Amino acid sequence: DRVAVLAMQPLDPGHPLWHFELVEQHDGG
């Protein structure tokens, strides 16, 4: 669900066009 939301969330055109989101706690990792 989170990946689906981010897939349609535009990147900020005023800065480099990439973004990493870390889920620090997910299913034992």
PDB file of all heavy atoms in Angstrom:
ATOM      1  N   ASP A   1       0.832  -1.205   0.000  1.00  0.00           N
ATOM      2  CA  ASP A   1       0.000   0.000   0.000  1.00  0.00           C
ATOM      3  C   ASP A   1       0.868   1.257   0.000  1.00  0.00           C
ATOM      4  O   ASP A   1       0.566   2.237  -0.692  1.00  0.00           O
ATOM      5  CB  ASP A   1      -0.930   0.011   1.219  1.00  0.00           C
ATOM      6  CG  ASP A   1      -2.126  -0.899   1.047  1.00  0.00           C
ATOM      7  OD1 ASP A   1      -2.304  -1.460  -0.055  1.00  0.00           O
ATOM      8  OD2 ASP A   1      -2.898  -1.067   2.023  1.00  0.00           O
ATOM      9  N   ARG A   2       1.933   1.243   0.779  1.00  0.00           N
ATOM     10  CA  ARG A   2       2.804   2.419   0.858  1.00  0.00           C
ATOM     11  C   ARG A   2       3.535   2.639  -0.468  1.00  0.00           C
ATOM     12  O   ARG A   2       3.668   3.783  -0.931  1.00  0.00           O
ATOM     13  CB  ARG A   2       3.810   2.254   2.005  1.00  0.00           C
ATOM     14  CG  ARG A   2       4.707   3.471   2.211  1.00  0.00           C
ATOM     15  CD  ARG A   2       3.904   4.711   2.503  1.00  0.00           C
ATOM     16  NE  ARG A   2       4.755   5.905   2.602  1.00  0.00           N
ATOM     17  CZ  ARG A   2       4.296   7.143   2.497  1.00  0.00           C
ATOM     18  NH1 ARG A   2       2.993   7.355   2.296  1.00  0.00           N
ATOM     19  NH2 ARG A   2       5.111   8.172   2.600  1.00  0.00           N
ATOM     20  N   VAL A   3       3.999   1.568  -1.088  1.00  0.00           N
ATOM     21  CA  VAL A   3       4.664   1.693  -2.384  1.00  0.00           C
ATOM     22  C   VAL A   3       3.701   2.287  -3.412  1.00  0.00           C
ATOM     23  O   VAL A   3       4.068   3.157  -4.208  1.00  0.00           O
ATOM     24  CB  VAL A   3       5.190   0.326  -2.864  1.00  0.00           C
ATOM     25  CG1 VAL A   3       5.756   0.430  -4.278  1.00  0.00           C
ATOM     26  CG2 VAL A   3       6.264  -0.199  -1.919  1.00  0.00           C
ATOM     27  N   ALA A   4       2.440   1.851  -3.369  1.00  0.00           N
ATOM     28  CA  ALA A   4       1.444   2.346  -4.316  1.00  0.00           C
ATOM     29  C   ALA A   4       1.210   3.845  -4.143  1.00  0.00           C
ATOM     30  O   ALA A   4       1.085   4.589  -5.125  1.00  0.00           O
ATOM     31  CB  ALA A   4       0.135   1.581  -4.147  1.00  0.00           C
ATOM     32  N   VAL A   5       1.162   4.308  -2.898  1.00  0.00           N
ATOM     33  CA  VAL A   5       0.971   5.737  -2.632  1.00  0.00           C
ATOM     34  C   VAL A   5       2.155   6.536  -3.158  1.00  0.00           C
ATOM     35  O   VAL A   5       2.003   7.557  -3.851  1.00  0.00           O
ATOM     36  CB  VAL A   5       0.778   5.990  -1.121  1.00  0.00           C
ATOM     37  CG1 VAL A   5       0.850   7.483  -0.810  1.00  0.00           C
ATOM     38  CG2 VAL A   5      -0.561   5.423  -0.661  1.00  0.00           C
ATOM     39  N   LEU A   6       3.368   6.065  -2.861  1.00  0.00           N
ATOM     40  CA  LEU A   6       4.565   6.795  -3.280  1.00  0.00           C
ATOM     41  C   LEU A   6       4.732   6.788  -4.799  1.00  0.00           C
ATOM     42  O   LEU A   6       5.318   7.717  -5.370  1.00  0.00           O
ATOM     43  CB  LEU A   6       5.805   6.195  -2.616  1.00  0.00           C
ATOM     44  CG  LEU A   6       5.918   6.429  -1.108  1.00  0.00           C
ATOM     45  CD1 LEU A   6       7.118   5.675  -0.539  1.00  0.00           C
ATOM     46  CD2 LEU A   6       6.034   7.913  -0.789  1.00  0.00           C
ATOM     47  N   ALA A   7       4.223   5.750  -5.477  1.00  0.00           N
ATOM     48  CA  ALA A   7       4.348   5.674  -6.929  1.00  0.00           C
ATOM     49  C   ALA A   7       3.607   6.802  -7.632  1.00  0.00           C
ATOM     50  O   ALA A   7       3.898   7.114  -8.792  1.00  0.00           O
ATOM     51  CB  ALA A   7       3.843   4.323  -7.432  1.00  0.00           C
ATOM     52  N   MET A   8       2.647   7.435  -6.947  1.00  0.00           N
ATOM     53  CA  MET A   8       1.904   8.553  -7.536  1.00  0.00           C
ATOM     54  C   MET A   8       2.127   9.843  -6.766  1.00  0.00           C
ATOM     55  O   MET A   8       1.359  10.791  -6.899  1.00  0.00           O
ATOM     56  CB  MET A   8       0.414   8.217  -7.591  1.00  0.00           C
ATOM     57  CG  MET A   8       0.061   7.192  -8.647  1.00  0.00           C
ATOM     58  SD  MET A   8       0.631   7.656 -10.318  1.00  0.00           S
ATOM     59  CE  MET A   8      -0.317   9.150 -10.592  1.00  0.00           C
ATOM     60  N   GLN A   9       3.202   9.892  -5.979  1.00  0.00           N
ATOM     61  CA  GLN A   9       3.558  11.109  -5.254  1.00  0.00           C
ATOM     62  C   GLN A   9       4.703  11.788  -5.997  1.00  0.00           C
ATOM     63  O   GLN A   9       5.816  11.263  -6.046  1.00  0.00           O
ATOM     64  CB  GLN A   9       3.977  10.766  -3.827  1.00  0.00           C
ATOM     65  CG  GLN A   9       4.292  11.975  -2.967  1.00  0.00           C
ATOM     66  CD  GLN A   9       4.516  11.572  -1.516  1.00  0.00           C
ATOM     67  OE1 GLN A   9       3.650  11.006  -0.860  1.00  0.00           O
ATOM     68  NE2 GLN A   9       5.714  11.850  -1.014  1.00  0.00           N
ATOM     69  N   PRO A  10       4.484  12.950  -6.605  1.00  0.00           N
ATOM     70  CA  PRO A  10       5.527  13.572  -7.435  1.00  0.00           C
ATOM     71  C   PRO A  10       6.782  13.916  -6.628  1.00  0.00           C
ATOM     72  O   PRO A  10       6.712  14.261  -5.442  1.00  0.00           O
ATOM     73  CB  PRO A  10       4.851  14.844  -7.963  1.00  0.00           C
ATOM     74  CG  PRO A  10       3.377  14.606  -7.824  1.00  0.00           C
ATOM     75  CD  PRO A  10       3.231  13.727  -6.608  1.00  0.00           C
ATOM     76  N   LEU A  11       7.920  13.818  -7.287  1.00  0.00           N
ATOM     77  CA  LEU A  11       9.173  14.278  -6.709  1.00  0.00           C
ATOM     78  C   LEU A  11       9.245  15.793  -6.787  1.00  0.00           C
ATOM     79  O   LEU A  11       8.604  16.419  -7.629  1.00  0.00           O
ATOM     80  CB  LEU A  11      10.347  13.641  -7.465  1.00  0.00           C
ATOM     81  CG  LEU A  11      10.440  12.116  -7.373  1.00  0.00           C
ATOM     82  CD1 LEU A  11      11.370  11.583  -8.452  1.00  0.00           C
ATOM     83  CD2 LEU A  11      10.904  11.677  -5.989  1.00  0.00           C
ATOM     84  N   ASP A  12      10.022  16.396  -5.905  1.00  0.00           N
ATOM     85  CA  ASP A  12      10.153  17.850  -5.845  1.00  0.00           C
ATOM     86  C   ASP A  12      11.015  18.337  -7.002  1.00  0.00           C
ATOM     87  O   ASP A  12      12.217  18.054  -7.053  1.00  0.00           O
ATOM     88  CB  ASP A  12      10.794  18.239  -4.507  1.00  0.00           C
ATOM     89  CG  ASP A  12      10.897  19.748  -4.319  1.00  0.00           C
ATOM     90  OD1 ASP A  12      10.580  20.500  -5.267  1.00  0.00           O
ATOM     91  OD2 ASP A  12      11.295  20.180  -3.219  1.00  0.00           O
ATOM     92  N   PRO A  13      10.432  19.081  -7.973  1.00  0.00           N
ATOM     93  CA  PRO A  13      11.220  19.521  -9.135  1.00  0.00           C
ATOM     94  C   PRO A  13      12.274  20.566  -8.804  1.00  0.00           C
ATOM     95  O   PRO A  13      13.145  20.845  -9.631  1.00  0.00           O
ATOM     96  CB  PRO A  13      10.150  20.099 -10.075  1.00  0.00           C
ATOM     97  CG  PRO A  13       9.047  20.542  -9.159  1.00  0.00           C
ATOM     98  CD  PRO A  13       9.043  19.557  -8.029  1.00  0.00           C
ATOM     99  N   GLY A  14      12.218  21.148  -7.600  1.00  0.00           N
ATOM    100  CA  GLY A  14      13.205  22.140  -7.214  1.00  0.00           C
ATOM    101  C   GLY A  14      14.498  21.550  -6.698  1.00  0.00           C
ATOM    102  O   GLY A  14      15.435  22.290  -6.381  1.00  0.00           O
ATOM    103  N   HIS A  15      14.555  20.222  -6.616  1.00  0.00           N
ATOM    104  CA  HIS A  15      15.743  19.532  -6.088  1.00  0.00           C
ATOM    105  C   HIS A  15      15.983  18.269  -6.906  1.00  0.00           C
ATOM    106  O   HIS A  15      15.162  17.919  -7.771  1.00  0.00           O
ATOM    107  CB  HIS A  15      15.547  19.221  -4.598  1.00  0.00           C
ATOM    108  CG  HIS A  15      15.366  20.441  -3.748  1.00  0.00           C
ATOM    109  ND1 HIS A  15      16.406  21.276  -3.422  1.00  0.00           N
ATOM    110  CD2 HIS A  15      14.252  20.993  -3.202  1.00  0.00           C
ATOM    111  CE1 HIS A  15      15.959  22.283  -2.693  1.00  0.00           C
ATOM    112  NE2 HIS A  15      14.646  22.136  -2.542  1.00  0.00           N
ATOM    113  N   PRO A  16      17.110  17.565  -6.682  1.00  0.00           N
ATOM    114  CA  PRO A  16      17.362  16.342  -7.440  1.00  0.00           C
ATOM    115  C   PRO A  16      16.179  15.374  -7.377  1.00  0.00           C
ATOM    116  O   PRO A  16      15.552  15.204  -6.325  1.00  0.00           O
ATOM    117  CB  PRO A  16      18.610  15.765  -6.757  1.00  0.00           C
ATOM    118  CG  PRO A  16      19.343  16.987  -6.274  1.00  0.00           C
ATOM    119  CD  PRO A  16      18.264  17.928  -5.824  1.00  0.00           C
ATOM    120  N   LEU A  17      15.902  14.738  -8.500  1.00  0.00           N
ATOM    121  CA  LEU A  17      14.658  13.988  -8.671  1.00  0.00           C
ATOM    122  C   LEU A  17      14.801  12.539  -8.212  1.00  0.00           C
ATOM    123  O   LEU A  17      14.704  11.588  -9.003  1.00  0.00           O
ATOM    124  CB  LEU A  17      14.217  14.065 -10.131  1.00  0.00           C
ATOM    125  CG  LEU A  17      13.831  15.476 -10.614  1.00  0.00           C
ATOM    126  CD1 LEU A  17      13.594  15.487 -12.114  1.00  0.00           C
ATOM    127  CD2 LEU A  17      12.595  15.972  -9.864  1.00  0.00           C
ATOM    128  N   TRP A  18      15.012  12.366  -6.912  1.00  0.00           N
ATOM    129  CA  TRP A  18      15.040  11.022  -6.342  1.00  0.00           C
ATOM    130  C   TRP A  18      14.682  11.102  -4.871  1.00  0.00           C
ATOM    131  O   TRP A  18      14.804  12.152  -4.235  1.00  0.00           O
ATOM    132  CB  TRP A  18      16.414  10.370  -6.525  1.00  0.00           C
ATOM    133  CG  TRP A  18      17.544  11.051  -5.784  1.00  0.00           C
ATOM    134  CD1 TRP A  18      18.237  12.140  -6.196  1.00  0.00           C
ATOM    135  CD2 TRP A  18      18.091  10.677  -4.507  1.00  0.00           C
ATOM    136  NE1 TRP A  18      19.192  12.486  -5.259  1.00  0.00           N
ATOM    137  CE2 TRP A  18      19.124  11.602  -4.214  1.00  0.00           C
ATOM    138  CE3 TRP A  18      17.818   9.659  -3.589  1.00  0.00           C
ATOM    139  CZ2 TRP A  18      19.879  11.532  -3.050  1.00  0.00           C
ATOM    140  CZ3 TRP A  18      18.567   9.586  -2.425  1.00  0.00           C
ATOM    141  CH2 TRP A  18      19.588  10.505  -2.175  1.00  0.00           C
ATOM    142  N   HIS A  19      14.226   9.964  -4.334  1.00  0.00           N
ATOM    143  CA  HIS A  19      13.838   9.922  -2.928  1.00  0.00           C
ATOM    144  C   HIS A  19      13.882   8.484  -2.429  1.00  0.00           C
ATOM    145  O   HIS A  19      13.430   7.559  -3.109  1.00  0.00           O
ATOM    146  CB  HIS A  19      12.423  10.478  -2.743  1.00  0.00           C
ATOM    147  CG  HIS A  19      12.019  10.613  -1.306  1.00  0.00           C
ATOM    148  ND1 HIS A  19      11.357   9.613  -0.622  1.00  0.00           N
ATOM    149  CD2 HIS A  19      12.210  11.631  -0.423  1.00  0.00           C
ATOM    150  CE1 HIS A  19      11.144  10.013   0.625  1.00  0.00           C
ATOM    151  NE2 HIS A  19      11.651  11.228   0.766  1.00  0.00           N
ATOM    152  N   PHE A  20      14.477   8.306  -1.249  1.00  0.00           N
ATOM    153  CA  PHE A  20      14.491   7.010  -0.560  1.00  0.00           C
ATOM    154  C   PHE A  20      13.670   7.131   0.718  1.00  0.00           C
ATOM    155  O   PHE A  20      13.843   8.098   1.471  1.00  0.00           O
ATOM    156  CB  PHE A  20      15.916   6.593  -0.168  1.00  0.00           C
ATOM    157  CG  PHE A  20      16.800   6.183  -1.313  1.00  0.00           C
ATOM    158  CD1 PHE A  20      18.140   5.893  -1.078  1.00  0.00           C
ATOM    159  CD2 PHE A  20      16.324   6.070  -2.607  1.00  0.00           C
ATOM    160  CE1 PHE A  20      18.982   5.515  -2.113  1.00  0.00           C
ATOM    161  CE2 PHE A  20      17.146   5.698  -3.647  1.00  0.00           C
ATOM    162  CZ  PHE A  20      18.479   5.415  -3.403  1.00  0.00           C
ATOM    163  N   GLU A  21      12.798   6.173   0.948  1.00  0.00           N
ATOM    164  CA  GLU A  21      12.070   6.109   2.221  1.00  0.00           C
ATOM    165  C   GLU A  21      12.399   4.791   2.902  1.00  0.00           C
ATOM    166  O   GLU A  21      12.169   3.719   2.338  1.00  0.00           O
ATOM    167  CB  GLU A  21      10.561   6.231   1.989  1.00  0.00           C
ATOM    168  CG  GLU A  21       9.767   6.210   3.295  1.00  0.00           C
ATOM    169  CD  GLU A  21       8.305   6.572   3.100  1.00  0.00           C
ATOM    170  OE1 GLU A  21       8.038   7.746   2.749  1.00  0.00           O
ATOM    171  OE2 GLU A  21       7.440   5.689   3.275  1.00  0.00           O
ATOM    172  N   LEU A  22      12.941   4.876   4.110  1.00  0.00           N
ATOM    173  CA  LEU A  22      13.340   3.697   4.863  1.00  0.00           C
ATOM    174  C   LEU A  22      12.302   3.386   5.925  1.00  0.00           C
ATOM    175  O   LEU A  22      11.991   4.230   6.763  1.00  0.00           O
ATOM    176  CB  LEU A  22      14.710   3.923   5.518  1.00  0.00           C
ATOM    177  CG  LEU A  22      15.235   2.787   6.403  1.00  0.00           C
ATOM    178  CD1 LEU A  22      15.518   1.536   5.568  1.00  0.00           C
ATOM    179  CD2 LEU A  22      16.485   3.225   7.168  1.00  0.00           C
ATOM    180  N   VAL A  23      11.769   2.184   5.871  1.00  0.00           N
ATOM    181  CA  VAL A  23      10.916   1.669   6.951  1.00  0.00           C
ATOM    182  C   VAL A  23      11.849   0.865   7.851  1.00  0.00           C
ATOM    183  O   VAL A  23      12.229  -0.262   7.519  1.00  0.00           O
ATOM    184  CB  VAL A  23       9.779   0.791   6.397  1.00  0.00           C
ATOM    185  CG1 VAL A  23       8.901   0.293   7.537  1.00  0.00           C
ATOM    186  CG2 VAL A  23       8.954   1.565   5.372  1.00  0.00           C
ATOM    187  N   GLU A  24      12.261   1.462   8.958  1.00  0.00           N
ATOM    188  CA  GLU A  24      13.316   0.854   9.773  1.00  0.00           C
ATOM    189  C   GLU A  24      12.883  -0.462  10.392  1.00  0.00           C
ATOM    190  O   GLU A  24      13.698  -1.365  10.578  1.00  0.00           O
ATOM    191  CB  GLU A  24      13.773   1.842  10.853  1.00  0.00           C
ATOM    192  CG  GLU A  24      14.492   3.063  10.268  1.00  0.00           C
ATOM    193  CD  GLU A  24      15.148   3.910  11.334  1.00  0.00           C
ATOM    194  OE1 GLU A  24      15.975   3.381  12.109  1.00  0.00           O
ATOM    195  OE2 GLU A  24      14.831   5.123  11.417  1.00  0.00           O
ATOM    196  N   GLN A  25      11.583  -0.589  10.729  1.00  0.00           N
ATOM    197  CA  GLN A  25      11.083  -1.829  11.320  1.00  0.00           C
ATOM    198  C   GLN A  25       9.986  -2.399  10.430  1.00  0.00           C
ATOM    199  O   GLN A  25       8.891  -1.862  10.342  1.00  0.00           O
ATOM    200  CB  GLN A  25      10.546  -1.575  12.738  1.00  0.00           C
ATOM    201  CG  GLN A  25      11.572  -1.032  13.715  1.00  0.00           C
ATOM    202  CD  GLN A  25      12.737  -1.994  13.934  1.00  0.00           C
ATOM    203  OE1 GLN A  25      12.539  -3.212  13.994  1.00  0.00           O
ATOM    204  NE2 GLN A  25      13.933  -1.444  14.058  1.00  0.00           N
ATOM    205  N   HIS A  26      10.321  -3.500   9.748  1.00  0.00           N
ATOM    206  CA  HIS A  26       9.354  -4.138   8.853  1.00  0.00           C
ATOM    207  C   HIS A  26       9.573  -5.644   8.840  1.00  0.00           C
ATOM    208  O   HIS A  26      10.611  -6.127   8.371  1.00  0.00           O
ATOM    209  CB  HIS A  26       9.486  -3.598   7.425  1.00  0.00           C
ATOM    210  CG  HIS A  26       8.721  -4.410   6.407  1.00  0.00           C
ATOM    211  ND1 HIS A  26       7.351  -4.398   6.339  1.00  0.00           N
ATOM    212  CD2 HIS A  26       9.142  -5.276   5.436  1.00  0.00           C
ATOM    213  CE1 HIS A  26       6.949  -5.208   5.371  1.00  0.00           C
ATOM    214  NE2 HIS A  26       8.021  -5.750   4.822  1.00  0.00           N
ATOM    215  N   ASP A  27       8.627  -6.380   9.379  1.00  0.00           N
ATOM    216  CA  ASP A  27       8.611  -7.841   9.283  1.00  0.00           C
ATOM    217  C   ASP A  27       9.947  -8.466   9.678  1.00  0.00           C
ATOM    218  O   ASP A  27      10.509  -9.300   8.960  1.00  0.00           O
ATOM    219  CB  ASP A  27       8.236  -8.240   7.855  1.00  0.00           C
ATOM    220  CG  ASP A  27       7.784  -9.689   7.755  1.00  0.00           C
ATOM    221  OD1 ASP A  27       7.367 -10.260   8.785  1.00  0.00           O
ATOM    222  OD2 ASP A  27       7.846 -10.250   6.643  1.00  0.00           O
ATOM    223  N   GLY A  28      10.470  -8.040  10.827  1.00  0.00           N
ATOM    224  CA  GLY A  28      11.730  -8.586  11.311  1.00  0.00           C
ATOM    225  C   GLY A  28      12.963  -7.972  10.687  1.00  0.00           C
ATOM    226  O   GLY A  28      14.081  -8.458  10.907  1.00  0.00           O
ATOM    227  N   GLY A  29      12.793  -6.923   9.917  1.00  0.00           N
ATOM    228  CA  GLY A  29      13.925  -6.266   9.288  1.00  0.00           C
ATOM    229  C   GLY A  29      13.564  -4.846   8.913  1.00  0.00           C
ATOM    230  O   GLY A  29      12.885  -4.140   9.668  1.00  0.00           O
TER     231      GLY A  29
END
